[in-house]
Amino acid sequence: MRASLLALLLLAAPAFGQADDYFDRVDLDGDGRVSLDEFLERMGFAFRQMDVDGNGVLEPHEQHVPDAPRITLEQHEARFGAQFRRQDADGDGYLSRQELLAPPRR
């Protein structure tokens, strides 16, 4: 995993001991499950924070990682969309609390 993507994951990850609060923050409509749109919204938080000029592209200097590749919002969403599908163990198109909080599958 590239260092810049790892940095994004760390910014979006729950703090130790706050897993329930994290699920609730990602489950924007409070229906007890996380849709792809809700997941991408939460994972996009770190991207938007780092995208200083707001152009939808993380340039190397915005990532604060030496030799980081440019990452577009589309690339970012594609990566996390694939992650969502891997986390969706039962294939129902939503993440349960257990699926969201489980370690990422490869």
N, C-alpha and C. Protein backbone atom coordinates (compact mmCIF):
# COMPACT_ATOMS: atom_id res chain seq x y z
N MET A 1 0.85 -1.17 0.00
CA MET A 1 0.00 0.00 0.00
C MET A 1 0.90 1.23 0.00
N ARG A 2 0.58 2.16 -0.85
CA ARG A 2 1.38 3.38 -0.92
C ARG A 2 1.23 4.18 0.36
N ALA A 3 2.28 4.90 0.70
CA ALA A 3 2.28 5.68 1.94
C ALA A 3 1.17 6.72 1.94
N SER A 4 0.90 7.34 0.80
CA SER A 4 -0.15 8.37 0.76
C SER A 4 -1.52 7.77 1.01
N LEU A 5 -1.79 6.59 0.46
CA LEU A 5 -3.07 5.93 0.70
C LEU A 5 -3.17 5.51 2.16
N LEU A 6 -2.07 5.04 2.71
CA LEU A 6 -2.06 4.68 4.12
C LEU A 6 -2.36 5.88 4.99
N ALA A 7 -1.80 7.03 4.64
CA ALA A 7 -2.09 8.25 5.41
C ALA A 7 -3.58 8.59 5.35
N LEU A 8 -4.20 8.43 4.19
CA LEU A 8 -5.63 8.68 4.07
C LEU A 8 -6.43 7.73 4.93
N LEU A 9 -6.04 6.47 4.93
CA LEU A 9 -6.74 5.48 5.75
C LEU A 9 -6.63 5.81 7.23
N LEU A 10 -5.47 6.21 7.66
CA LEU A 10 -5.28 6.53 9.07
C LEU A 10 -6.11 7.73 9.49
N LEU A 11 -6.23 8.71 8.62
CA LEU A 11 -7.05 9.88 8.95
C LEU A 11 -8.53 9.53 9.03
N ALA A 12 -8.96 8.57 8.23
CA ALA A 12 -10.37 8.22 8.20
C ALA A 12 -10.72 7.12 9.19
N ALA A 13 -9.72 6.46 9.77
CA ALA A 13 -9.96 5.33 10.67
C ALA A 13 -10.47 5.78 12.03
N PRO A 14 -11.18 4.89 12.71
CA PRO A 14 -11.66 5.23 14.04
C PRO A 14 -10.53 5.28 15.05
N ALA A 15 -10.71 6.10 16.06
CA ALA A 15 -9.75 6.13 17.16
C ALA A 15 -9.93 4.88 18.00
N PHE A 16 -8.88 4.43 18.62
CA PHE A 16 -8.93 3.24 19.46
C PHE A 16 -10.02 3.40 20.51
N GLY A 17 -10.87 2.37 20.63
CA GLY A 17 -11.91 2.38 21.65
C GLY A 17 -13.16 3.13 21.25
N GLN A 18 -13.24 3.61 20.02
CA GLN A 18 -14.40 4.38 19.61
C GLN A 18 -15.07 3.76 18.39
N ALA A 19 -15.08 2.44 18.29
CA ALA A 19 -15.62 1.76 17.12
C ALA A 19 -17.11 2.04 16.93
N ASP A 20 -17.89 2.01 18.00
CA ASP A 20 -19.32 2.27 17.86
C ASP A 20 -19.58 3.68 17.37
N ASP A 21 -18.87 4.65 17.90
CA ASP A 21 -19.02 6.02 17.44
C ASP A 21 -18.63 6.15 15.98
N TYR A 22 -17.60 5.44 15.58
CA TYR A 22 -17.16 5.48 14.19
C TYR A 22 -18.27 4.96 13.27
N PHE A 23 -18.84 3.82 13.62
CA PHE A 23 -19.92 3.28 12.79
C PHE A 23 -21.05 4.31 12.67
N ASP A 24 -21.42 4.90 13.76
CA ASP A 24 -22.50 5.88 13.75
C ASP A 24 -22.16 7.10 12.90
N ARG A 25 -20.90 7.50 12.87
CA ARG A 25 -20.49 8.64 12.04
C ARG A 25 -20.52 8.29 10.56
N VAL A 26 -20.29 7.04 10.22
CA VAL A 26 -20.31 6.63 8.81
C VAL A 26 -21.74 6.35 8.35
N ASP A 27 -22.57 5.83 9.24
CA ASP A 27 -23.98 5.53 8.93
C ASP A 27 -24.78 6.84 8.98
N LEU A 28 -24.68 7.63 7.92
CA LEU A 28 -25.22 8.98 7.91
C LEU A 28 -26.74 9.04 8.08
N ASP A 29 -27.46 8.04 7.56
CA ASP A 29 -28.91 8.09 7.68
C ASP A 29 -29.44 7.30 8.88
N GLY A 30 -28.53 6.70 9.65
CA GLY A 30 -28.91 6.03 10.89
C GLY A 30 -29.75 4.78 10.71
N ASP A 31 -29.63 4.11 9.55
CA ASP A 31 -30.45 2.92 9.32
C ASP A 31 -29.78 1.63 9.77
N GLY A 32 -28.62 1.72 10.41
CA GLY A 32 -27.94 0.53 10.93
C GLY A 32 -27.10 -0.21 9.91
N ARG A 33 -26.89 0.40 8.77
CA ARG A 33 -26.03 -0.18 7.73
C ARG A 33 -25.41 0.97 6.95
N VAL A 34 -24.29 0.67 6.29
CA VAL A 34 -23.54 1.70 5.56
C VAL A 34 -23.60 1.39 4.07
N SER A 35 -24.12 2.34 3.31
CA SER A 35 -24.16 2.22 1.86
C SER A 35 -22.82 2.62 1.27
N LEU A 36 -22.64 2.33 -0.01
CA LEU A 36 -21.42 2.75 -0.70
C LEU A 36 -21.29 4.27 -0.66
N ASP A 37 -22.38 4.99 -0.89
CA ASP A 37 -22.32 6.45 -0.86
C ASP A 37 -21.89 6.97 0.51
N GLU A 38 -22.41 6.39 1.58
CA GLU A 38 -22.03 6.81 2.93
C GLU A 38 -20.56 6.51 3.18
N PHE A 39 -20.11 5.34 2.74
CA PHE A 39 -18.72 4.93 2.92
C PHE A 39 -17.78 5.88 2.18
N LEU A 40 -18.12 6.19 0.93
CA LEU A 40 -17.27 7.09 0.15
C LEU A 40 -17.27 8.50 0.73
N GLU A 41 -18.40 8.93 1.26
CA GLU A 41 -18.45 10.25 1.89
C GLU A 41 -17.47 10.32 3.06
N ARG A 42 -17.47 9.30 3.92
CA ARG A 42 -16.57 9.29 5.07
C ARG A 42 -15.11 9.16 4.64
N MET A 43 -14.84 8.29 3.68
CA MET A 43 -13.47 8.09 3.23
C MET A 43 -12.97 9.32 2.47
N GLY A 44 -13.89 10.09 1.91
CA GLY A 44 -13.51 11.31 1.21
C GLY A 44 -13.16 12.46 2.14
N PHE A 45 -13.50 12.33 3.42
CA PHE A 45 -13.22 13.39 4.38
C PHE A 45 -11.73 13.73 4.41
N ALA A 46 -10.89 12.72 4.56
CA ALA A 46 -9.44 12.95 4.61
C ALA A 46 -8.94 13.54 3.30
N PHE A 47 -9.48 13.04 2.19
CA PHE A 47 -9.08 13.57 0.88
C PHE A 47 -9.38 15.06 0.81
N ARG A 48 -10.59 15.44 1.18
CA ARG A 48 -10.98 16.85 1.12
C ARG A 48 -10.14 17.72 2.05
N GLN A 49 -9.75 17.18 3.20
CA GLN A 49 -8.91 17.93 4.13
C GLN A 49 -7.52 18.17 3.56
N MET A 50 -7.00 17.20 2.83
CA MET A 50 -5.67 17.31 2.28
C MET A 50 -5.64 18.11 0.98
N ASP A 51 -6.75 18.16 0.25
CA ASP A 51 -6.83 18.86 -1.03
C ASP A 51 -6.96 20.36 -0.79
N VAL A 52 -5.84 20.97 -0.47
CA VAL A 52 -5.80 22.36 -0.04
C VAL A 52 -6.41 23.31 -1.08
N ASP A 53 -6.11 23.10 -2.35
CA ASP A 53 -6.63 24.01 -3.36
C ASP A 53 -8.01 23.62 -3.88
N GLY A 54 -8.55 22.48 -3.40
CA GLY A 54 -9.90 22.08 -3.75
C GLY A 54 -10.13 21.71 -5.20
N ASN A 55 -9.08 21.27 -5.89
CA ASN A 55 -9.21 20.94 -7.31
C ASN A 55 -9.53 19.47 -7.57
N GLY A 56 -9.75 18.68 -6.53
CA GLY A 56 -10.08 17.27 -6.72
C GLY A 56 -8.89 16.39 -7.03
N VAL A 57 -7.69 16.91 -6.81
CA VAL A 57 -6.45 16.17 -7.05
C VAL A 57 -5.53 16.39 -5.86
N LEU A 58 -5.02 15.29 -5.30
CA LEU A 58 -4.00 15.43 -4.27
C LEU A 58 -2.65 15.43 -4.96
N GLU A 59 -2.03 16.58 -4.94
CA GLU A 59 -0.69 16.73 -5.51
C GLU A 59 0.31 16.22 -4.47
N PRO A 60 1.52 15.87 -4.90
CA PRO A 60 2.51 15.37 -3.94
C PRO A 60 2.73 16.30 -2.75
N HIS A 61 2.78 17.61 -2.97
CA HIS A 61 3.03 18.53 -1.85
C HIS A 61 1.85 18.58 -0.87
N GLU A 62 0.64 18.26 -1.32
CA GLU A 62 -0.52 18.24 -0.42
C GLU A 62 -0.54 16.99 0.45
N GLN A 63 0.16 15.96 0.01
CA GLN A 63 0.16 14.70 0.75
C GLN A 63 1.26 14.63 1.80
N HIS A 64 2.22 15.50 1.72
CA HIS A 64 3.33 15.54 2.68
C HIS A 64 4.07 14.20 2.76
N VAL A 65 4.14 13.53 1.61
CA VAL A 65 4.85 12.25 1.52
C VAL A 65 5.82 12.37 0.34
N PRO A 66 7.11 12.14 0.58
CA PRO A 66 8.08 12.24 -0.51
C PRO A 66 7.71 11.33 -1.68
N ASP A 67 7.79 11.87 -2.88
CA ASP A 67 7.55 11.11 -4.12
C ASP A 67 6.15 10.51 -4.21
N ALA A 68 5.18 11.11 -3.55
CA ALA A 68 3.81 10.61 -3.62
C ALA A 68 3.25 10.83 -5.03
N PRO A 69 2.47 9.88 -5.52
CA PRO A 69 1.85 10.08 -6.83
C PRO A 69 0.65 11.02 -6.71
N ARG A 70 0.30 11.67 -7.80
CA ARG A 70 -0.94 12.45 -7.82
C ARG A 70 -2.10 11.47 -7.66
N ILE A 71 -3.09 11.84 -6.90
CA ILE A 71 -4.27 11.01 -6.71
C ILE A 71 -5.49 11.87 -6.98
N THR A 72 -6.28 11.47 -7.96
CA THR A 72 -7.51 12.20 -8.25
C THR A 72 -8.62 11.68 -7.34
N LEU A 73 -9.65 12.47 -7.18
CA LEU A 73 -10.79 12.04 -6.39
C LEU A 73 -11.41 10.78 -6.99
N GLU A 74 -11.43 10.69 -8.31
CA GLU A 74 -11.96 9.49 -8.97
C GLU A 74 -11.14 8.26 -8.62
N GLN A 75 -9.82 8.38 -8.63
CA GLN A 75 -8.96 7.25 -8.25
C GLN A 75 -9.19 6.86 -6.79
N HIS A 76 -9.28 7.85 -5.95
CA HIS A 76 -9.52 7.64 -4.53
C HIS A 76 -10.83 6.89 -4.32
N GLU A 77 -11.90 7.34 -4.98
CA GLU A 77 -13.20 6.69 -4.83
C GLU A 77 -13.20 5.28 -5.42
N ALA A 78 -12.47 5.06 -6.50
CA ALA A 78 -12.37 3.73 -7.08
C ALA A 78 -11.69 2.76 -6.11
N ARG A 79 -10.61 3.22 -5.47
CA ARG A 79 -9.91 2.37 -4.50
C ARG A 79 -10.81 2.02 -3.32
N PHE A 80 -11.51 3.03 -2.80
CA PHE A 80 -12.36 2.76 -1.65
C PHE A 80 -13.65 2.05 -2.04
N GLY A 81 -14.10 2.20 -3.29
CA GLY A 81 -15.22 1.41 -3.77
C GLY A 81 -14.86 -0.07 -3.81
N ALA A 82 -13.65 -0.36 -4.26
CA ALA A 82 -13.17 -1.75 -4.27
C ALA A 82 -13.03 -2.27 -2.84
N GLN A 83 -12.55 -1.43 -1.93
CA GLN A 83 -12.44 -1.82 -0.53
C GLN A 83 -13.83 -2.12 0.05
N PHE A 84 -14.81 -1.30 -0.26
CA PHE A 84 -16.18 -1.51 0.20
C PHE A 84 -16.67 -2.89 -0.24
N ARG A 85 -16.46 -3.22 -1.50
CA ARG A 85 -16.92 -4.52 -2.01
C ARG A 85 -16.21 -5.68 -1.33
N ARG A 86 -14.94 -5.50 -0.97
CA ARG A 86 -14.24 -6.56 -0.23
C ARG A 86 -14.78 -6.68 1.20
N GLN A 87 -15.12 -5.56 1.80
CA GLN A 87 -15.65 -5.58 3.18
C GLN A 87 -17.07 -6.14 3.23
N ASP A 88 -17.81 -6.03 2.15
CA ASP A 88 -19.20 -6.49 2.10
C ASP A 88 -19.23 -8.01 1.98
N ALA A 89 -18.97 -8.67 3.08
CA ALA A 89 -18.79 -10.13 3.09
C ALA A 89 -20.03 -10.88 2.61
N ASP A 90 -21.22 -10.38 2.91
CA ASP A 90 -22.43 -11.10 2.49
C ASP A 90 -22.96 -10.63 1.13
N GLY A 91 -22.31 -9.64 0.53
CA GLY A 91 -22.65 -9.20 -0.82
C GLY A 91 -24.00 -8.52 -0.96
N ASP A 92 -24.52 -7.94 0.13
CA ASP A 92 -25.84 -7.31 0.05
C ASP A 92 -25.80 -5.85 -0.37
N GLY A 93 -24.60 -5.31 -0.63
CA GLY A 93 -24.49 -3.93 -1.06
C GLY A 93 -24.43 -2.92 0.08
N TYR A 94 -24.38 -3.41 1.30
CA TYR A 94 -24.27 -2.56 2.49
C TYR A 94 -23.25 -3.17 3.43
N LEU A 95 -22.68 -2.34 4.30
CA LEU A 95 -21.79 -2.84 5.33
C LEU A 95 -22.52 -2.81 6.66
N SER A 96 -22.55 -3.95 7.31
CA SER A 96 -23.06 -4.02 8.67
C SER A 96 -22.00 -3.45 9.60
N ARG A 97 -22.35 -3.28 10.84
CA ARG A 97 -21.37 -2.83 11.84
C ARG A 97 -20.17 -3.77 11.84
N GLN A 98 -20.44 -5.07 11.85
CA GLN A 98 -19.36 -6.06 11.90
C GLN A 98 -18.49 -5.98 10.65
N GLU A 99 -19.10 -5.84 9.47
CA GLU A 99 -18.32 -5.76 8.23
C GLU A 99 -17.47 -4.50 8.19
N LEU A 100 -18.04 -3.37 8.60
CA LEU A 100 -17.30 -2.11 8.56
C LEU A 100 -16.10 -2.13 9.50
N LEU A 101 -16.28 -2.70 10.68
CA LEU A 101 -15.24 -2.66 11.69
C LEU A 101 -14.24 -3.80 11.58
N ALA A 102 -14.49 -4.75 10.67
CA ALA A 102 -13.56 -5.86 10.48
C ALA A 102 -12.29 -5.37 9.78
N PRO A 103 -11.18 -6.03 10.02
CA PRO A 103 -9.95 -5.66 9.31
C PRO A 103 -10.18 -5.75 7.80
N PRO A 104 -9.63 -4.81 7.04
CA PRO A 104 -9.80 -4.86 5.58
C PRO A 104 -9.33 -6.18 4.99
N ARG A 105 -10.14 -6.69 4.06
CA ARG A 105 -9.78 -7.92 3.36
C ARG A 105 -9.02 -7.54 2.09
N ARG A 106 -8.13 -8.39 1.68
CA ARG A 106 -7.36 -8.15 0.44
C ARG A 106 -8.01 -8.81 -0.72
